[in-house]
């Protein structure tokens, strides 16, 4: 059964994805560089550990394993990179035992954090070459792998279950945001050095799995340590099996949440506001976009991250630089946060306007409404949410009492307007050239492929270029008015670019409407790559 599932997935990937496209090659190169960095660190450990004293290893090996444990369990959640995972909704109809599916899922957890494997292998080789460590002892590091794989499966399924519950979805997203900011605070505020004794104390805690693995790998064998490690592995196994069985029973479909349903009453003022600004069918399309996006879990989570995450991420940097006086980060905090928020929103709101519609997008090509009107309505809805995001960021920053100058506020708003026009223009073209369905209920996985990630990278570079010119003009003339003058010129260019891009997108969309509808109606394969 294992061989059949893996072989079917290999054939699907081989027939579906391009093998020599620039985007796939670029992402493969980035992945190789990332994995190569950790493999290099593993080689460094293999060469350096034999020269370390045994007391040093006894002090720092448990701390290193604790860091590996934290990385293994948190980084996949914070980066939404769950690795390969089975599509249980497609496999349950086949005569495959649940134990076989569970075993495959556990092995697939290796794909979420393979970096730790390289580090552990390097440490294993280094300890095996150490003169004061028995030859057999370093093999105990391998026992740390099944414990982490089982626990990661339990954590992933628990978080996925929590994201499926409408009442907890946004709460868990905010919790993940808060956890993601902790490393920034520790590294940039000097708190990490103050917490060093406490961290070492936790790493040497009695009965902790990382402490027992460290003791066994250094040759300090005892039945108590072996028994405790077996106990923790059995606990992780019990949690993983419980969560996996619950995921098997969970319905794999989009459920309307009480929060989303209640949005109808709270947004009753929308129809009146929209009809005052636009006429049908434009008004109906704009109203449909605003209400449907507000009810989609994936969009709500990403929108919340754009409003909060950017502020929390850049606060440590501004605090550290602010202690030295004026700096670029502290003086331009709001423009930087707004640009980061636009980058987060670009995937679900700007660069793939038909993605969340999926099969419903077929209506746009057969209804007696011009595609140009549909794209304009989606652009208006996108600009509306960008305006809300900009205001929310400003209010959040003021509530945190972060120092803002009048120039920073004006620059943040002006930059958001200019960059949004260019992103919306490029998004109209990309949406018809590279349409891609997005699951609106999936908030735990990344759903961007290699090509769209390449476009996100190009969009980020374009944003930097657009913003660099105004700042260069301000620096060269030592005044604020050149900054806004350059932005005004860029806005005029953006308006022209928008008209050209919209016309090209409509022409290409009508010509390729069958291809676009077919791609947006496509389903998932046997396995899903969360890191794609």
Protein backbone atom coordinates (compact mmCIF):
# COMPACT_ATOMS: atom_id res chain seq x y z
CA UNK A 1 0.00 0.00 0.00
CA UNK A 2 2.83 2.35 0.80
CA UNK A 3 4.50 1.68 -2.53
CA UNK A 4 1.23 2.19 -4.44
CA UNK A 5 0.54 5.58 -2.83
CA UNK A 6 4.08 6.87 -3.30
CA UNK A 7 4.23 5.65 -6.90
CA UNK A 8 0.86 7.25 -7.74
CA UNK A 9 2.01 10.56 -6.29
CA UNK A 10 5.28 10.40 -8.22
CA UNK A 11 3.41 9.85 -11.49
CA UNK A 12 1.03 12.72 -10.73
CA UNK A 13 3.91 15.10 -10.06
CA UNK A 14 5.81 13.91 -13.11
CA UNK A 15 2.85 14.50 -15.41
CA UNK A 16 1.56 17.68 -13.80
CA UNK A 17 4.48 19.94 -13.02
CA UNK A 18 6.96 21.36 -15.53
CA UNK A 19 10.45 19.95 -15.10
CA UNK A 20 12.57 22.70 -16.59
CA UNK A 21 10.58 25.90 -16.00
CA UNK A 22 12.50 28.86 -14.66
CA UNK A 23 10.29 29.12 -11.56
CA UNK A 24 10.71 25.48 -10.58
CA UNK A 25 14.46 25.63 -11.15
CA UNK A 26 14.74 28.82 -9.10
CA UNK A 27 12.79 27.38 -6.18
CA UNK A 28 14.81 24.18 -6.35
CA UNK A 29 18.00 26.24 -6.22
CA UNK A 30 16.76 28.23 -3.20
CA UNK A 31 15.79 24.99 -1.46
CA UNK A 32 19.19 23.48 -2.16
CA UNK A 33 20.93 26.57 -0.76
CA UNK A 34 18.80 26.46 2.38
CA UNK A 35 19.37 22.75 2.95
CA UNK A 36 23.02 23.16 2.02
CA UNK A 37 23.48 25.75 4.75
CA UNK A 38 22.24 23.32 7.40
CA UNK A 39 24.23 20.46 5.87
CA UNK A 40 27.32 22.67 6.08
CA UNK A 41 26.57 23.32 9.73
CA UNK A 42 26.27 19.55 10.20
CA UNK A 43 29.72 19.11 8.65
CA UNK A 44 31.04 21.82 10.97
CA UNK A 45 29.68 19.87 13.97
CA UNK A 46 31.16 16.62 12.68
CA UNK A 47 34.59 18.25 12.43
CA UNK A 48 34.45 20.45 15.52
CA UNK A 49 32.88 18.27 18.21
CA UNK A 50 35.90 15.91 18.54
CA UNK A 51 38.01 18.85 19.70
CA UNK A 52 35.61 19.90 22.47
CA UNK A 53 36.01 18.84 26.07
CA UNK A 54 33.53 16.45 27.63
CA UNK A 55 32.36 18.98 30.31
CA UNK A 56 31.56 21.41 27.50
CA UNK A 57 29.51 18.75 25.72
CA UNK A 58 27.68 17.84 28.92
CA UNK A 59 26.74 21.49 29.35
CA UNK A 60 25.70 22.41 25.83
CA UNK A 61 24.50 19.20 24.14
CA UNK A 62 21.14 19.21 26.01
CA UNK A 63 20.74 22.90 25.09
CA UNK A 64 21.41 22.11 21.43
CA UNK A 65 18.86 19.31 21.45
CA UNK A 66 16.33 21.62 23.10
CA UNK A 67 16.89 24.16 20.30
CA UNK A 68 16.44 21.39 17.73
CA UNK A 69 13.20 20.36 19.46
CA UNK A 70 11.84 23.93 19.45
CA UNK A 71 12.80 24.41 15.81
CA UNK A 72 11.27 21.07 14.80
CA UNK A 73 7.92 21.79 16.46
CA UNK A 74 7.44 25.52 15.83
CA UNK A 75 9.09 26.56 12.57
CA UNK A 76 6.72 24.53 10.30
CA UNK A 77 3.76 26.18 12.05
CA UNK A 78 5.15 29.71 11.89
CA UNK A 79 6.13 29.43 8.23
CA UNK A 80 2.97 27.46 7.29
CA UNK A 81 5.28 24.90 5.69
CA UNK A 82 3.83 21.58 6.76
CA UNK A 83 5.78 19.61 4.17
CA UNK A 84 4.23 16.68 2.33
CA UNK A 85 1.00 15.31 3.75
CA UNK A 86 -1.63 12.85 2.61
CA UNK A 87 -4.99 13.99 1.30
CA UNK A 88 -7.04 11.74 3.54
CA UNK A 89 -10.32 12.73 1.92
CA UNK A 90 -9.14 11.15 -1.33
CA UNK A 91 -7.57 8.03 0.20
CA UNK A 92 -10.27 6.90 2.63
CA UNK A 93 -12.36 5.41 -0.18
CA UNK A 94 -9.60 2.88 -0.93
CA UNK A 95 -8.97 -0.29 1.12
CA UNK A 96 -5.96 1.15 2.90
CA UNK A 97 -5.64 0.51 6.62
CA UNK A 98 -5.53 3.48 8.95
CA UNK A 99 -2.26 2.20 10.42
CA UNK A 100 -0.63 2.35 6.99
CA UNK A 101 -1.88 5.92 6.45
CA UNK A 102 -0.63 6.85 9.92
CA UNK A 103 2.81 5.37 9.22
CA UNK A 104 3.11 7.27 5.93
CA UNK A 105 2.08 10.52 7.63
CA UNK A 106 4.70 10.06 10.32
CA UNK A 107 7.43 9.47 7.73
CA UNK A 108 6.25 12.49 5.72
CA UNK A 109 6.92 14.72 8.75
CA UNK A 110 10.59 14.46 7.76
CA UNK A 111 9.77 16.73 4.81
CA UNK A 112 8.66 19.58 7.08
CA UNK A 113 12.00 20.05 8.88
CA UNK A 114 14.75 18.09 7.12
CA UNK A 115 17.26 20.70 8.28
CA UNK A 116 17.31 19.22 11.79
CA UNK A 117 18.16 15.79 10.37
CA UNK A 118 21.34 17.18 8.81
CA UNK A 119 22.34 18.80 12.10
CA UNK A 120 21.66 15.63 14.09
CA UNK A 121 23.67 13.52 11.65
CA UNK A 122 26.58 15.94 11.91
CA UNK A 123 26.43 15.82 15.71
CA UNK A 124 26.25 12.01 15.58
CA UNK A 125 29.39 11.77 13.46
CA UNK A 126 31.18 14.31 15.63
CA UNK A 127 30.35 12.44 18.85
CA UNK A 128 31.36 9.13 17.27
CA UNK A 129 34.79 10.64 16.54
CA UNK A 130 35.19 12.02 20.08
CA UNK A 131 37.79 10.09 22.11
CA UNK A 132 35.83 10.30 25.39
CA UNK A 133 32.50 9.04 23.99
CA UNK A 134 31.80 5.32 23.48
CA UNK A 135 31.31 4.35 19.84
CA UNK A 136 27.77 3.04 20.30
CA UNK A 137 26.49 5.99 22.35
CA UNK A 138 25.99 8.64 19.59
CA UNK A 139 23.45 6.35 17.88
CA UNK A 140 21.09 7.39 20.68
CA UNK A 141 20.60 10.70 18.83
CA UNK A 142 18.57 8.78 16.26
CA UNK A 143 16.02 8.02 18.99
CA UNK A 144 15.26 11.74 19.11
CA UNK A 145 13.86 11.58 15.56
CA UNK A 146 10.76 9.36 16.04
CA UNK A 147 9.79 11.32 19.16
CA UNK A 148 9.84 14.61 17.25
CA UNK A 149 8.11 13.17 14.17
CA UNK A 150 5.23 11.77 16.23
CA UNK A 151 4.88 14.93 18.29
CA UNK A 152 4.97 17.14 15.20
CA UNK A 153 2.16 15.11 13.62
CA UNK A 154 0.11 15.54 16.79
CA UNK A 155 0.77 19.28 16.91
CA UNK A 156 0.05 19.75 13.21
CA UNK A 157 -3.26 17.89 13.34
CA UNK A 158 -4.27 19.70 16.52
CA UNK A 159 -3.57 23.11 14.99
CA UNK A 160 -5.32 22.07 11.78
CA UNK A 161 -8.35 20.99 13.82
CA UNK A 162 -8.29 24.28 15.71
CA UNK A 163 -8.14 26.23 12.45
CA UNK A 164 -11.19 24.32 11.26
CA UNK A 165 -13.13 25.54 14.29
CA UNK A 166 -14.37 28.97 13.37
CA UNK A 167 -14.20 30.30 16.91
CA UNK A 168 -10.52 29.46 17.34
CA UNK A 169 -9.09 30.07 13.87
CA UNK A 170 -8.17 33.72 14.29
CA UNK A 171 -7.13 33.12 17.91
CA UNK A 172 -4.58 30.52 16.87
CA UNK A 173 -3.35 32.76 14.06
CA UNK A 174 -2.70 35.57 16.54
CA UNK A 175 -0.99 33.08 18.87
CA UNK A 176 1.28 31.94 16.03
CA UNK A 177 2.08 35.59 15.29
CA UNK A 178 3.00 36.21 18.91
CA UNK A 179 5.27 33.16 18.98
CA UNK A 180 6.92 34.26 15.75
CA UNK A 181 7.86 37.62 17.24
CA UNK A 182 9.61 36.08 20.26
CA UNK A 183 12.89 35.32 18.40
CA UNK A 184 13.03 38.92 17.16
CA UNK A 185 12.58 40.26 20.67
CA UNK A 186 15.18 37.91 22.07
CA UNK A 187 17.83 38.65 19.44
CA UNK A 188 17.38 42.41 19.08
CA UNK A 189 16.67 43.55 22.62
CA UNK A 190 19.38 41.66 24.49
CA UNK A 191 16.88 39.60 26.49
CA UNK A 192 18.42 36.40 25.13
CA UNK A 193 21.62 36.96 27.11
CA UNK A 194 19.63 37.56 30.30
CA UNK A 195 17.62 34.36 29.76
CA UNK A 196 20.69 32.22 29.08
CA UNK A 197 20.86 30.75 32.62
CA UNK A 198 17.14 29.90 32.56
CA UNK A 199 17.51 28.27 29.15
CA UNK A 200 20.37 26.10 30.36
CA UNK A 201 18.32 25.20 33.42
CA UNK A 202 15.41 24.06 31.25
CA UNK A 203 17.73 22.07 28.97
CA UNK A 204 19.12 20.19 31.97
CA UNK A 205 15.71 19.57 33.48
CA UNK A 206 15.29 16.13 34.97
CA UNK A 207 13.24 13.68 32.86
CA UNK A 208 13.17 16.01 29.83
CA UNK A 209 13.51 14.03 26.57
CA UNK A 210 16.35 16.20 25.21
CA UNK A 211 18.28 15.77 28.46
CA UNK A 212 17.87 11.99 28.42
CA UNK A 213 18.92 11.75 24.76
CA UNK A 214 21.99 13.88 25.49
CA UNK A 215 22.95 11.66 28.43
CA UNK A 216 22.57 8.47 26.39
CA UNK A 217 24.49 9.89 23.42
CA UNK A 218 27.42 10.77 25.70
CA UNK A 219 27.64 7.21 26.99
CA UNK A 220 25.93 7.79 30.34
CA UNK A 221 23.61 4.83 29.94
CA UNK A 222 21.02 4.11 32.60
CA UNK A 223 17.76 2.21 32.52
CA UNK A 224 16.03 5.28 33.96
CA UNK A 225 17.10 7.44 31.01
CA UNK A 226 16.12 4.76 28.48
CA UNK A 227 12.78 4.24 30.21
CA UNK A 228 12.01 7.97 30.28
CA UNK A 229 12.83 8.29 26.57
CA UNK A 230 10.55 5.36 25.76
CA UNK A 231 7.85 6.96 27.93
CA UNK A 232 8.03 10.30 26.07
CA UNK A 233 7.97 8.51 22.72
CA UNK A 234 4.87 6.55 23.75
CA UNK A 235 3.19 9.77 24.90
CA UNK A 236 3.94 11.39 21.54
CA UNK A 237 2.64 8.25 19.80
CA UNK A 238 -0.60 8.33 21.79
CA UNK A 239 -1.15 12.02 21.02
CA UNK A 240 -0.35 11.51 17.33
CA UNK A 241 -2.73 8.55 16.93
CA UNK A 242 -5.52 10.41 18.74
CA UNK A 243 -5.18 13.51 16.57
CA UNK A 244 -4.81 11.42 13.41
CA UNK A 245 -7.99 9.48 14.10
CA UNK A 246 -9.84 12.72 14.73
CA UNK A 247 -8.54 14.10 11.43
CA UNK A 248 -9.87 10.99 9.67
CA UNK A 249 -13.34 11.74 11.01
CA UNK A 250 -13.16 15.43 10.25
CA UNK A 251 -15.13 16.48 7.21
CA UNK A 252 -12.91 17.89 4.48
CA UNK A 253 -15.20 20.63 3.29
CA UNK A 254 -15.76 24.33 3.72
CA UNK A 255 -18.06 25.09 6.66
CA UNK A 256 -19.70 28.41 7.20
CA UNK A 257 -18.80 29.66 10.63
CA UNK A 258 -21.03 31.51 13.11
CA UNK A 259 -18.68 34.45 12.84
CA UNK A 260 -18.97 34.50 9.07
CA UNK A 261 -22.72 34.05 9.19
CA UNK A 262 -23.07 36.86 11.68
CA UNK A 263 -21.20 39.10 9.30
CA UNK A 264 -24.37 39.53 7.26
CA UNK A 265 -26.01 41.46 10.05
CA UNK A 266 -22.95 43.51 10.88
CA UNK A 267 -22.29 44.40 7.23
CA UNK A 268 -25.87 45.38 6.39
CA UNK A 269 -24.66 48.90 5.71
CA UNK A 270 -22.45 47.74 2.83
CA UNK A 271 -25.14 47.57 0.11
CA UNK A 272 -26.21 51.15 0.73
CA UNK A 273 -22.64 52.44 0.70
CA UNK A 274 -21.71 50.54 -2.44
CA UNK A 275 -24.80 51.61 -4.38
CA UNK A 276 -24.06 55.25 -3.55
CA UNK A 277 -20.59 54.95 -5.07
CA UNK A 278 -21.28 52.64 -8.04
CA UNK A 279 -24.07 51.51 -10.32
CA UNK A 280 -25.06 47.97 -11.17
CA UNK A 281 -23.57 45.60 -12.21
CA UNK A 282 -20.44 47.18 -10.73
CA UNK A 283 -22.13 47.74 -7.36
CA UNK A 284 -23.34 44.14 -7.14
CA UNK A 285 -19.91 42.76 -7.99
CA UNK A 286 -18.11 44.98 -5.48
CA UNK A 287 -20.61 44.08 -2.76
CA UNK A 288 -20.18 40.39 -3.58
CA UNK A 289 -16.38 40.64 -3.33
CA UNK A 290 -16.42 42.52 -0.03
CA UNK A 291 -18.81 40.12 1.68
CA UNK A 292 -17.37 36.89 0.27
CA UNK A 293 -13.77 37.80 1.15
CA UNK A 294 -14.77 38.78 4.69
CA UNK A 295 -16.30 35.31 5.20
CA UNK A 296 -13.32 33.30 3.96
CA UNK A 297 -11.13 31.96 6.79
CA UNK A 298 -7.90 32.10 4.78
CA UNK A 299 -8.41 35.74 3.85
CA UNK A 300 -9.38 36.74 7.38
CA UNK A 301 -6.25 35.17 8.83
CA UNK A 302 -3.94 36.72 6.21
CA UNK A 303 -5.64 40.11 6.63
CA UNK A 304 -5.18 39.92 10.40
CA UNK A 305 -1.52 39.03 9.93
CA UNK A 306 -1.07 42.01 7.60
CA UNK A 307 -2.56 44.32 10.23
CA UNK A 308 -0.67 42.96 13.24
CA UNK A 309 2.26 40.79 12.20
CA UNK A 310 4.22 43.50 10.39
CA UNK A 311 4.03 45.84 13.37
CA UNK A 312 5.19 43.18 15.81
CA UNK A 313 7.99 41.97 13.52
CA UNK A 314 9.57 45.40 13.03
CA UNK A 315 9.10 46.72 16.58
CA UNK A 316 12.30 45.05 17.92
CA UNK A 317 14.40 46.53 15.10
CA UNK A 318 12.97 50.00 15.66
CA UNK A 319 13.52 49.76 19.42
CA UNK A 320 17.14 48.70 19.01
CA UNK A 321 17.94 51.38 16.47
CA UNK A 322 15.85 53.96 18.29
CA UNK A 323 18.16 53.73 21.30
CA UNK A 324 20.97 55.09 19.11
CA UNK A 325 18.98 58.12 18.02
CA UNK A 326 17.25 58.67 14.71
CA UNK A 327 17.53 55.85 12.19
CA UNK A 328 15.90 54.88 8.92
CA UNK A 329 13.80 52.18 10.60
CA UNK A 330 12.49 54.38 13.39
CA UNK A 331 11.86 57.39 11.12
CA UNK A 332 10.05 55.34 8.45
CA UNK A 333 8.38 52.69 10.57
CA UNK A 334 4.89 53.09 9.11
CA UNK A 335 5.90 52.93 5.40
CA UNK A 336 7.94 49.76 6.03
CA UNK A 337 5.09 48.08 7.90
CA UNK A 338 2.58 49.03 5.19
CA UNK A 339 4.80 47.56 2.47
CA UNK A 340 5.16 44.35 4.44
CA UNK A 341 1.39 44.17 4.83
CA UNK A 342 0.89 44.61 1.09
CA UNK A 343 3.33 41.79 0.46
CA UNK A 344 1.35 39.48 2.76
CA UNK A 345 -1.94 40.38 1.07
CA UNK A 346 -0.62 40.11 -2.46
CA UNK A 347 -1.11 36.34 -2.82
CA UNK A 348 -4.78 36.15 -1.80
CA UNK A 349 -5.95 39.63 -2.81
CA UNK A 350 -3.85 41.13 -5.61
CA UNK A 351 -1.83 38.66 -7.69
CA UNK A 352 -4.47 35.92 -8.00
CA UNK A 353 -7.88 37.60 -8.10
CA UNK A 354 -9.75 34.48 -9.28
CA UNK A 355 -8.02 32.03 -6.92
CA UNK A 356 -10.52 32.14 -4.07
CA UNK A 357 -13.47 31.94 -6.50
CA UNK A 358 -12.23 28.64 -7.98
CA UNK A 359 -15.13 26.96 -9.85
CA UNK A 360 -17.37 29.98 -9.30
CA UNK A 361 -15.09 31.98 -11.60
CA UNK A 362 -16.68 30.19 -14.56
CA UNK A 363 -19.67 32.49 -14.10
CA UNK A 364 -17.57 35.53 -14.92
CA UNK A 365 -16.95 34.19 -18.45
CA UNK A 366 -20.56 33.23 -19.28
CA UNK A 367 -22.62 35.91 -17.50
CA UNK A 368 -23.70 38.97 -19.50
CA UNK A 369 -21.18 41.15 -17.67
CA UNK A 370 -17.97 42.34 -19.22
CA UNK A 371 -14.78 40.81 -17.85
CA UNK A 372 -13.39 44.32 -17.61
CA UNK A 373 -16.15 45.20 -15.12
CA UNK A 374 -15.41 42.05 -13.12
CA UNK A 375 -11.71 42.90 -12.83
CA UNK A 376 -12.45 46.49 -11.88
CA UNK A 377 -14.84 45.33 -9.16
CA UNK A 378 -12.20 43.01 -7.75
CA UNK A 379 -9.67 45.85 -7.86
CA UNK A 380 -12.02 48.19 -6.00
CA UNK A 381 -12.61 45.56 -3.32
CA UNK A 382 -8.86 45.02 -3.03
CA UNK A 383 -8.21 48.75 -2.62
CA UNK A 384 -10.96 48.87 0.02
CA UNK A 385 -9.29 46.17 2.10
CA UNK A 386 -5.87 47.79 1.61
CA UNK A 387 -7.33 51.03 2.96
CA UNK A 388 -8.69 49.17 5.99
CA UNK A 389 -5.32 47.49 6.49
CA UNK A 390 -3.48 50.82 6.35
CA UNK A 391 -5.85 52.41 8.87
CA UNK A 392 -5.70 49.35 11.14
CA UNK A 393 -1.89 49.45 11.13
CA UNK A 394 -1.91 53.17 11.94
CA UNK A 395 -4.34 52.68 14.83
CA UNK A 396 -2.38 49.70 16.16
CA UNK A 397 0.87 51.65 16.04
CA UNK A 398 -0.73 54.58 17.87
CA UNK A 399 -2.14 52.26 20.53
CA UNK A 400 1.36 50.86 21.09
CA UNK A 401 2.59 54.47 21.46
CA UNK A 402 5.30 54.10 18.86
CA UNK A 403 6.81 57.43 17.92
CA UNK A 404 5.52 58.62 14.55
CA UNK A 405 6.22 61.83 12.71
CA UNK A 406 3.79 63.58 10.40
CA UNK A 407 6.05 62.69 7.47
CA UNK A 408 6.00 58.99 8.42
CA UNK A 409 2.19 58.93 8.47
CA UNK A 410 1.85 60.80 5.17
CA UNK A 411 4.61 58.73 3.54
CA UNK A 412 3.04 55.47 4.70
CA UNK A 413 -0.33 56.35 3.18
CA UNK A 414 1.17 57.70 -0.06
CA UNK A 415 3.42 54.68 -0.57
CA UNK A 416 0.50 52.31 0.03
CA UNK A 417 -1.52 54.07 -2.68
CA UNK A 418 1.25 54.03 -5.29
CA UNK A 419 2.41 50.46 -4.67
CA UNK A 420 -1.19 49.21 -4.59
CA UNK A 421 -1.87 50.61 -8.05
CA UNK A 422 1.12 48.81 -9.51
CA UNK A 423 0.36 45.54 -7.68
CA UNK A 424 -3.27 45.62 -8.79
CA UNK A 425 -2.19 46.23 -12.38
CA UNK A 426 0.31 43.38 -12.35
CA UNK A 427 -2.21 41.17 -10.53
CA UNK A 428 -4.78 41.49 -13.31
CA UNK A 429 -2.27 40.18 -15.82
CA UNK A 430 -0.87 37.42 -13.58
CA UNK A 431 -4.38 36.24 -12.69
CA UNK A 432 -5.15 35.32 -16.30
CA UNK A 433 -1.64 34.21 -17.24
CA UNK A 434 -1.11 31.93 -14.22
CA UNK A 435 -4.48 31.22 -12.57
CA UNK A 436 -4.29 29.06 -9.47
CA UNK A 437 -7.09 27.80 -7.19
CA UNK A 438 -6.85 28.62 -3.49
CA UNK A 439 -8.72 26.72 -0.81
CA UNK A 440 -10.54 29.47 1.18
CA UNK A 441 -10.91 27.23 4.24
CA UNK A 442 -7.24 26.18 4.41
CA UNK A 443 -5.42 28.56 6.72
CA UNK A 444 -2.64 26.20 7.76
CA UNK A 445 -0.89 25.55 4.43
CA UNK A 446 0.91 27.62 1.90
CA UNK A 447 -0.75 27.28 -1.47
CA UNK A 448 1.64 29.24 -3.67
CA UNK A 449 3.58 27.33 -6.30
CA UNK A 450 7.06 28.01 -7.56
CA UNK A 451 5.95 30.35 -10.34
CA UNK A 452 3.78 32.49 -8.09
CA UNK A 453 6.55 32.63 -5.50
CA UNK A 454 8.83 33.90 -8.25
CA UNK A 455 6.30 36.61 -9.04
CA UNK A 456 6.08 37.46 -5.34
CA UNK A 457 9.85 37.88 -5.34
CA UNK A 458 9.69 40.11 -8.43
CA UNK A 459 6.87 42.11 -6.85
CA UNK A 460 8.99 42.64 -3.74
CA UNK A 461 11.87 43.89 -5.87
CA UNK A 462 9.51 46.16 -7.78
CA UNK A 463 8.19 47.58 -4.50
CA UNK A 464 11.74 48.31 -3.39
CA UNK A 465 12.48 50.13 -6.66
CA UNK A 466 9.30 52.20 -6.46
CA UNK A 467 10.05 53.21 -2.88
CA UNK A 468 13.77 53.79 -3.43
CA UNK A 469 13.32 56.66 -5.91
CA UNK A 470 11.30 58.91 -3.54
CA UNK A 471 13.71 58.31 -0.69
CA UNK A 472 16.68 59.04 -2.96
CA UNK A 473 15.06 62.29 -4.07
CA UNK A 474 14.43 63.27 -0.45
CA UNK A 475 18.01 62.45 0.51
CA UNK A 476 19.51 64.28 -2.47
CA UNK A 477 17.54 67.52 -1.99
CA UNK A 478 17.30 67.33 1.82
CA UNK A 479 13.59 68.17 1.74
CA UNK A 480 10.25 66.37 2.01
CA UNK A 481 8.52 67.77 -1.07
CA UNK A 482 10.70 65.83 -3.61
CA UNK A 483 9.59 62.62 -1.92
CA UNK A 484 5.92 63.28 -2.60
CA UNK A 485 6.64 64.77 -6.03
CA UNK A 486 8.32 61.55 -7.17
CA UNK A 487 5.43 59.51 -5.73
CA UNK A 488 2.97 61.68 -7.68
CA UNK A 489 4.86 60.98 -10.91
CA UNK A 490 4.90 57.26 -10.11
CA UNK A 491 1.16 57.37 -9.43
CA UNK A 492 0.56 58.89 -12.87
CA UNK A 493 2.70 56.19 -14.47
CA UNK A 494 0.82 53.57 -12.45
CA UNK A 495 -2.54 54.85 -13.71
CA UNK A 496 -1.35 54.49 -17.31
CA UNK A 497 0.08 51.05 -16.57
CA UNK A 498 -3.23 50.03 -14.99
CA UNK A 499 -5.20 50.88 -18.11
CA UNK A 500 -2.82 49.00 -20.39
CA UNK A 501 -2.60 45.99 -18.07
CA UNK A 502 -6.39 45.83 -17.65
CA UNK A 503 -6.98 45.86 -21.39
CA UNK A 504 -4.35 43.16 -21.94
CA UNK A 505 -5.77 41.03 -19.11
CA UNK A 506 -9.29 41.22 -20.55
CA UNK A 507 -8.07 40.25 -24.03
CA UNK A 508 -6.01 37.33 -22.72
CA UNK A 509 -8.74 36.23 -20.30
CA UNK A 510 -11.41 36.02 -23.00
CA UNK A 511 -9.06 34.15 -25.30
CA UNK A 512 -8.01 31.62 -22.63
CA UNK A 513 -11.27 31.42 -20.68
CA UNK A 514 -11.58 27.66 -21.11
CA UNK A 515 -8.04 27.06 -19.86
CA UNK A 516 -8.55 29.40 -16.89
CA UNK A 517 -11.82 27.75 -15.91
CA UNK A 518 -10.28 24.29 -16.18
CA UNK A 519 -7.28 25.20 -14.00
CA UNK A 520 -9.41 26.88 -11.35
CA UNK A 521 -11.68 23.83 -11.22
CA UNK A 522 -8.78 21.42 -10.64
CA UNK A 523 -8.50 19.35 -7.48
CA UNK A 524 -5.68 18.13 -5.28
CA UNK A 525 -3.52 15.07 -5.70
CA UNK A 526 -2.98 12.13 -3.39
CA UNK A 527 -0.46 14.10 -1.38
CA UNK A 528 -0.35 17.81 -0.82
CA UNK A 529 2.89 19.76 -0.59
CA UNK A 530 2.41 22.36 2.11
CA UNK A 531 5.75 24.00 1.36
CA UNK A 532 4.97 24.65 -2.28
